[in-house]
N, C-alpha and C. Protein backbone atom coordinates (compact mmCIF):
# COMPACT_ATOMS: atom_id res chain seq x y z
N MET A 1 132.79 1.05 222.24
CA MET A 1 133.15 1.54 220.94
C MET A 1 134.67 1.40 220.76
N VAL A 2 135.05 0.95 219.60
CA VAL A 2 136.46 0.69 219.31
C VAL A 2 137.02 1.90 218.57
N GLU A 3 138.11 2.43 219.11
CA GLU A 3 138.76 3.58 218.46
C GLU A 3 139.76 3.07 217.42
N PRO A 4 139.80 3.75 216.28
CA PRO A 4 140.77 3.33 215.26
C PRO A 4 142.20 3.64 215.73
N HIS A 5 143.10 2.82 215.24
CA HIS A 5 144.51 3.07 215.58
C HIS A 5 144.96 4.37 214.94
N PRO A 6 145.74 5.16 215.67
CA PRO A 6 146.24 6.40 215.06
C PRO A 6 147.23 6.07 213.94
N VAL A 7 147.09 6.78 212.86
CA VAL A 7 147.99 6.60 211.72
C VAL A 7 149.26 7.38 212.00
N PRO A 8 150.40 6.71 211.99
CA PRO A 8 151.65 7.44 212.25
C PRO A 8 151.94 8.41 211.10
N VAL A 9 152.32 9.61 211.48
CA VAL A 9 152.70 10.61 210.48
C VAL A 9 154.18 10.43 210.18
N LEU A 10 154.44 10.16 208.93
CA LEU A 10 155.83 9.95 208.53
C LEU A 10 156.42 11.27 208.08
N THR A 11 157.45 11.70 208.74
CA THR A 11 158.15 12.90 208.32
C THR A 11 159.35 12.48 207.50
N PRO A 12 159.57 13.16 206.40
CA PRO A 12 160.72 12.77 205.59
C PRO A 12 162.01 12.99 206.37
N SER A 13 162.83 11.98 206.39
CA SER A 13 164.09 12.11 207.12
C SER A 13 165.04 12.96 206.27
N ARG A 14 165.51 14.03 206.88
CA ARG A 14 166.45 14.90 206.18
C ARG A 14 167.85 14.39 206.44
N ARG A 15 168.42 13.87 205.41
CA ARG A 15 169.80 13.42 205.57
C ARG A 15 170.68 14.67 205.56
N PRO A 16 171.75 14.65 206.28
CA PRO A 16 172.62 15.83 206.29
C PRO A 16 173.22 16.05 204.91
N ALA A 17 173.30 17.30 204.52
CA ALA A 17 173.88 17.65 203.23
C ALA A 17 175.41 17.58 203.34
N SER A 18 176.03 17.05 202.34
CA SER A 18 177.49 16.93 202.33
C SER A 18 178.09 18.19 201.69
N PRO A 19 178.79 19.01 202.47
CA PRO A 19 179.43 20.20 201.89
C PRO A 19 180.44 19.85 200.80
N ARG A 20 181.14 18.74 200.99
CA ARG A 20 182.15 18.34 199.99
C ARG A 20 181.47 17.95 198.67
N LEU A 21 180.40 17.18 198.75
CA LEU A 21 179.68 16.78 197.54
C LEU A 21 179.05 18.00 196.85
N ALA A 22 178.48 18.90 197.64
CA ALA A 22 177.88 20.11 197.06
C ALA A 22 178.92 20.94 196.33
N THR A 23 180.13 21.02 196.90
CA THR A 23 181.21 21.78 196.26
C THR A 23 181.63 21.12 194.95
N TRP A 24 181.83 19.81 194.96
CA TRP A 24 182.27 19.12 193.76
C TRP A 24 181.20 19.11 192.67
N LEU A 25 179.94 19.03 193.08
CA LEU A 25 178.88 19.09 192.08
C LEU A 25 178.86 20.45 191.39
N SER A 26 179.30 21.49 192.09
CA SER A 26 179.31 22.83 191.51
C SER A 26 180.43 23.03 190.51
N ALA A 27 181.22 22.00 190.24
CA ALA A 27 182.15 22.09 189.12
C ALA A 27 181.36 22.33 187.84
N VAL A 28 180.13 21.83 187.80
CA VAL A 28 179.17 22.23 186.78
C VAL A 28 178.28 23.28 187.45
N PRO A 29 178.39 24.54 187.06
CA PRO A 29 177.70 25.60 187.79
C PRO A 29 176.20 25.32 187.94
N GLY A 30 175.73 25.38 189.18
CA GLY A 30 174.33 25.19 189.47
C GLY A 30 173.97 23.83 190.03
N LEU A 31 174.79 22.80 189.78
CA LEU A 31 174.46 21.47 190.28
C LEU A 31 174.52 21.41 191.81
N GLY A 32 175.46 22.12 192.41
CA GLY A 32 175.54 22.16 193.86
C GLY A 32 174.31 22.83 194.47
N GLN A 33 173.79 23.85 193.79
CA GLN A 33 172.59 24.52 194.27
C GLN A 33 171.37 23.60 194.11
N LEU A 34 171.33 22.82 193.04
CA LEU A 34 170.24 21.85 192.89
C LEU A 34 170.32 20.80 193.99
N TYR A 35 171.53 20.37 194.33
CA TYR A 35 171.72 19.42 195.42
C TYR A 35 171.19 20.01 196.74
N ASN A 36 171.37 21.31 196.92
CA ASN A 36 170.89 21.99 198.13
C ASN A 36 169.43 22.44 198.01
N ARG A 37 168.75 21.99 196.98
CA ARG A 37 167.34 22.30 196.73
C ARG A 37 167.10 23.80 196.56
N GLN A 38 167.89 24.42 195.69
CA GLN A 38 167.75 25.84 195.36
C GLN A 38 167.73 26.00 193.84
N PRO A 39 166.62 25.64 193.19
CA PRO A 39 166.61 25.65 191.72
C PRO A 39 166.74 27.04 191.11
N ASN A 40 166.19 28.06 191.74
CA ASN A 40 166.30 29.42 191.18
C ASN A 40 167.75 29.89 191.19
N LYS A 41 168.42 29.66 192.30
CA LYS A 41 169.82 30.05 192.40
C LYS A 41 170.67 29.23 191.43
N ALA A 42 170.31 27.97 191.22
CA ALA A 42 171.04 27.12 190.28
C ALA A 42 170.95 27.70 188.87
N ALA A 43 169.76 28.15 188.49
CA ALA A 43 169.59 28.73 187.15
C ALA A 43 170.40 30.02 187.01
N ILE A 44 170.43 30.83 188.07
CA ILE A 44 171.19 32.08 188.01
C ILE A 44 172.68 31.78 187.82
N PHE A 45 173.21 30.84 188.59
CA PHE A 45 174.63 30.52 188.46
C PHE A 45 174.94 29.90 187.10
N LEU A 46 174.11 28.99 186.64
CA LEU A 46 174.37 28.35 185.35
C LEU A 46 174.33 29.37 184.21
N LEU A 47 173.28 30.15 184.16
CA LEU A 47 173.16 31.14 183.09
C LEU A 47 174.23 32.23 183.21
N GLY A 48 174.57 32.62 184.43
CA GLY A 48 175.60 33.64 184.62
C GLY A 48 176.96 33.18 184.15
N VAL A 49 177.38 32.00 184.57
CA VAL A 49 178.71 31.51 184.20
C VAL A 49 178.78 31.22 182.70
N VAL A 50 177.79 30.53 182.18
CA VAL A 50 177.80 30.20 180.75
C VAL A 50 177.72 31.48 179.91
N GLY A 51 176.86 32.41 180.32
CA GLY A 51 176.74 33.68 179.59
C GLY A 51 178.03 34.47 179.57
N LEU A 52 178.70 34.56 180.72
CA LEU A 52 179.96 35.31 180.76
C LEU A 52 181.04 34.64 179.92
N PHE A 53 181.09 33.30 179.93
CA PHE A 53 182.08 32.62 179.08
C PHE A 53 181.76 32.80 177.60
N LEU A 54 180.47 32.82 177.24
CA LEU A 54 180.12 33.06 175.83
C LEU A 54 180.50 34.47 175.39
N VAL A 55 180.28 35.45 176.26
CA VAL A 55 180.70 36.81 175.95
C VAL A 55 182.22 36.85 175.78
N THR A 56 182.93 36.18 176.67
CA THR A 56 184.39 36.15 176.60
C THR A 56 184.86 35.57 175.28
N LEU A 57 184.24 34.48 174.85
CA LEU A 57 184.66 33.84 173.61
C LEU A 57 184.36 34.68 172.37
N ASN A 58 183.39 35.58 172.46
CA ASN A 58 183.03 36.39 171.30
C ASN A 58 183.78 37.71 171.20
N ILE A 59 184.52 38.09 172.22
CA ILE A 59 185.25 39.36 172.18
C ILE A 59 186.32 39.37 171.08
N PRO A 60 187.19 38.34 170.95
CA PRO A 60 188.19 38.40 169.88
C PRO A 60 187.57 38.44 168.48
N GLY A 61 186.49 37.69 168.27
CA GLY A 61 185.84 37.71 166.96
C GLY A 61 185.22 39.05 166.64
N ALA A 62 184.61 39.68 167.64
CA ALA A 62 184.02 41.00 167.43
C ALA A 62 185.10 42.03 167.12
N THR A 63 186.23 41.92 167.78
CA THR A 63 187.34 42.84 167.50
C THR A 63 187.86 42.64 166.09
N ALA A 64 188.00 41.38 165.67
CA ALA A 64 188.47 41.10 164.31
C ALA A 64 187.48 41.63 163.27
N GLU A 65 186.18 41.46 163.54
CA GLU A 65 185.17 42.00 162.61
C GLU A 65 185.26 43.52 162.52
N LEU A 66 185.46 44.17 163.67
CA LEU A 66 185.57 45.63 163.69
C LEU A 66 186.77 46.09 162.88
N LEU A 67 187.91 45.44 163.08
CA LEU A 67 189.10 45.85 162.35
C LEU A 67 189.01 45.50 160.86
N ALA A 68 188.32 44.43 160.51
CA ALA A 68 188.15 44.09 159.09
C ALA A 68 187.23 45.09 158.41
N PHE A 69 186.21 45.53 159.12
CA PHE A 69 185.29 46.54 158.58
C PHE A 69 185.98 47.89 158.45
N TRP A 70 186.84 48.19 159.41
CA TRP A 70 187.50 49.48 159.50
C TRP A 70 188.61 49.62 158.46
N LYS A 71 189.37 48.54 158.21
CA LYS A 71 190.49 48.50 157.27
C LYS A 71 191.46 49.65 157.50
N PRO A 72 192.16 49.66 158.63
CA PRO A 72 193.06 50.78 158.93
C PRO A 72 194.21 50.86 157.93
N ARG A 73 194.51 52.07 157.49
CA ARG A 73 195.61 52.33 156.55
C ARG A 73 196.45 53.46 157.12
N GLY A 74 197.75 53.40 156.90
CA GLY A 74 198.66 54.44 157.37
C GLY A 74 199.14 54.15 158.79
N SER A 75 200.23 54.82 159.16
CA SER A 75 200.87 54.52 160.45
C SER A 75 199.99 54.94 161.64
N ALA A 76 199.28 56.06 161.54
CA ALA A 76 198.43 56.50 162.66
C ALA A 76 197.27 55.52 162.86
N MET A 77 196.71 55.03 161.78
CA MET A 77 195.59 54.10 161.89
C MET A 77 196.05 52.74 162.42
N VAL A 78 197.26 52.34 162.06
CA VAL A 78 197.79 51.08 162.57
C VAL A 78 197.99 51.19 164.08
N LEU A 79 198.47 52.35 164.53
CA LEU A 79 198.63 52.56 165.97
C LEU A 79 197.27 52.54 166.66
N LEU A 80 196.28 53.14 166.04
CA LEU A 80 194.94 53.13 166.61
C LEU A 80 194.36 51.71 166.64
N SER A 81 194.62 50.93 165.60
CA SER A 81 194.13 49.55 165.60
C SER A 81 194.85 48.71 166.66
N LEU A 82 196.14 49.01 166.92
CA LEU A 82 196.86 48.34 167.99
C LEU A 82 196.24 48.68 169.35
N LEU A 83 195.85 49.93 169.52
CA LEU A 83 195.18 50.35 170.76
C LEU A 83 193.85 49.61 170.93
N VAL A 84 193.11 49.45 169.83
CA VAL A 84 191.84 48.70 169.88
C VAL A 84 192.11 47.25 170.28
N GLU A 85 193.16 46.65 169.74
CA GLU A 85 193.51 45.27 170.11
C GLU A 85 193.87 45.15 171.59
N ILE A 86 194.62 46.12 172.11
CA ILE A 86 194.99 46.08 173.53
C ILE A 86 193.75 46.23 174.40
N LEU A 87 192.86 47.14 174.05
CA LEU A 87 191.63 47.31 174.82
C LEU A 87 190.76 46.05 174.74
N SER A 88 190.75 45.42 173.59
CA SER A 88 190.00 44.17 173.43
C SER A 88 190.57 43.08 174.33
N LEU A 89 191.89 43.00 174.41
CA LEU A 89 192.53 42.01 175.28
C LEU A 89 192.20 42.28 176.75
N LEU A 90 192.24 43.56 177.15
CA LEU A 90 191.90 43.90 178.53
C LEU A 90 190.44 43.56 178.84
N LEU A 91 189.55 43.83 177.91
CA LEU A 91 188.14 43.48 178.11
C LEU A 91 187.96 41.96 178.19
N PHE A 92 188.66 41.24 177.32
CA PHE A 92 188.62 39.78 177.34
C PHE A 92 189.04 39.24 178.70
N MET A 93 190.19 39.73 179.21
CA MET A 93 190.70 39.24 180.49
C MET A 93 189.76 39.61 181.63
N SER A 94 189.19 40.80 181.60
CA SER A 94 188.29 41.22 182.67
C SER A 94 187.03 40.36 182.72
N VAL A 95 186.41 40.12 181.58
CA VAL A 95 185.19 39.31 181.55
C VAL A 95 185.51 37.85 181.89
N PHE A 96 186.66 37.36 181.44
CA PHE A 96 187.06 35.99 181.76
C PHE A 96 187.26 35.80 183.26
N PHE A 97 187.95 36.74 183.91
CA PHE A 97 188.15 36.63 185.35
C PHE A 97 186.86 36.84 186.12
N LEU A 98 185.95 37.63 185.60
CA LEU A 98 184.63 37.77 186.22
C LEU A 98 183.87 36.44 186.14
N ALA A 99 183.96 35.77 185.01
CA ALA A 99 183.31 34.45 184.87
C ALA A 99 183.91 33.44 185.84
N LEU A 100 185.24 33.45 185.97
CA LEU A 100 185.88 32.53 186.92
C LEU A 100 185.47 32.84 188.36
N THR A 101 185.35 34.12 188.68
CA THR A 101 184.93 34.52 190.02
C THR A 101 183.50 34.07 190.29
N PHE A 102 182.63 34.22 189.32
CA PHE A 102 181.24 33.80 189.46
C PHE A 102 181.15 32.29 189.64
N TRP A 103 181.98 31.55 188.91
CA TRP A 103 182.03 30.10 189.01
C TRP A 103 182.52 29.68 190.40
N TYR A 104 183.58 30.35 190.87
CA TYR A 104 184.07 30.05 192.22
C TYR A 104 183.00 30.34 193.26
N ASP A 105 182.26 31.43 193.08
CA ASP A 105 181.22 31.76 194.05
C ASP A 105 180.12 30.71 194.05
N ALA A 106 179.84 30.11 192.90
CA ALA A 106 178.85 29.02 192.86
C ALA A 106 179.31 27.86 193.72
N MET A 107 180.60 27.53 193.64
CA MET A 107 181.13 26.43 194.45
C MET A 107 181.12 26.80 195.94
N HIS A 108 181.54 28.00 196.24
CA HIS A 108 181.59 28.46 197.62
C HIS A 108 180.18 28.54 198.22
N ASP A 109 179.23 29.03 197.43
CA ASP A 109 177.85 29.14 197.90
C ASP A 109 177.25 27.76 198.19
N ALA A 110 177.52 26.79 197.33
CA ALA A 110 176.98 25.44 197.55
C ALA A 110 177.54 24.85 198.84
N ARG A 111 178.82 25.05 199.08
CA ARG A 111 179.45 24.54 200.30
C ARG A 111 178.85 25.21 201.54
N ARG A 112 178.74 26.53 201.51
CA ARG A 112 178.21 27.26 202.67
C ARG A 112 176.75 26.91 202.93
N THR A 113 175.97 26.77 201.89
CA THR A 113 174.56 26.44 202.07
C THR A 113 174.41 25.05 202.67
N ALA A 114 175.23 24.10 202.22
CA ALA A 114 175.18 22.75 202.80
C ALA A 114 175.56 22.80 204.28
N GLN A 115 176.56 23.59 204.62
CA GLN A 115 176.94 23.72 206.02
C GLN A 115 175.83 24.37 206.85
N GLU A 116 175.16 25.37 206.28
CA GLU A 116 174.05 26.03 206.98
C GLU A 116 172.88 25.07 207.18
N ARG A 117 172.59 24.25 206.18
CA ARG A 117 171.51 23.28 206.31
C ARG A 117 171.79 22.26 207.41
N ASN A 118 173.07 21.92 207.59
CA ASN A 118 173.44 20.96 208.63
C ASN A 118 173.54 21.60 210.00
N GLY A 119 173.52 22.92 210.06
CA GLY A 119 173.68 23.60 211.34
C GLY A 119 175.13 23.79 211.73
N ASP A 120 176.06 23.55 210.81
CA ASP A 120 177.49 23.71 211.09
C ASP A 120 177.95 25.16 210.99
N ARG A 121 177.12 26.02 210.42
CA ARG A 121 177.51 27.42 210.20
C ARG A 121 176.28 28.29 210.37
N GLU A 122 176.50 29.49 210.89
CA GLU A 122 175.41 30.45 211.02
C GLU A 122 175.10 31.05 209.65
N PRO A 123 173.83 31.27 209.33
CA PRO A 123 173.48 31.89 208.04
C PRO A 123 173.98 33.33 207.97
N GLY A 124 174.27 33.77 206.74
CA GLY A 124 174.64 35.17 206.51
C GLY A 124 176.08 35.33 206.08
N GLY A 125 176.47 36.59 205.89
CA GLY A 125 177.85 36.92 205.51
C GLY A 125 178.16 36.71 204.05
N ARG A 126 177.17 36.85 203.19
CA ARG A 126 177.40 36.65 201.76
C ARG A 126 177.45 38.00 201.06
N TRP A 127 178.16 38.04 199.95
CA TRP A 127 178.36 39.32 199.30
C TRP A 127 177.70 39.46 197.93
N TRP A 128 177.11 38.42 197.35
CA TRP A 128 176.40 38.58 196.09
C TRP A 128 174.98 39.02 196.37
N TRP A 129 174.38 39.76 195.48
CA TRP A 129 173.06 40.37 195.71
C TRP A 129 171.93 39.37 195.79
N PHE A 130 172.06 38.19 195.19
CA PHE A 130 170.94 37.26 195.18
C PHE A 130 171.00 36.23 196.31
N HIS A 131 171.93 36.37 197.20
CA HIS A 131 171.97 35.47 198.35
C HIS A 131 170.90 35.90 199.33
N ARG A 132 170.06 34.99 199.68
CA ARG A 132 168.99 35.15 200.65
C ARG A 132 168.75 36.56 201.08
């Protein structure tokens, strides 16, 4: 009796992930995570960064609408409107820096994940809540 030849099982060759490429792809938030085969994390980073920048861009317009609706008159009201403008500026800067921090973390996460996939770094040591 003739035995059939064994069919070789082809395993997909995992090419090493490039930490540098993963970092540069994350200049567009989420692309580095897609490169590292993490689509859920990519969506979180993309929506988070874009959402925070959209909120940032709408803060000055919302403040202008509030002051136009309010129509402050008199010296006390002008001082109060100045206080509202200062608080609006502080809120704008806070949300803007939060968006930049989130964007930086997307780049840092893509680099670390690529290094972990290659075995160049031990997993762990992350500070955002959605990391593994």
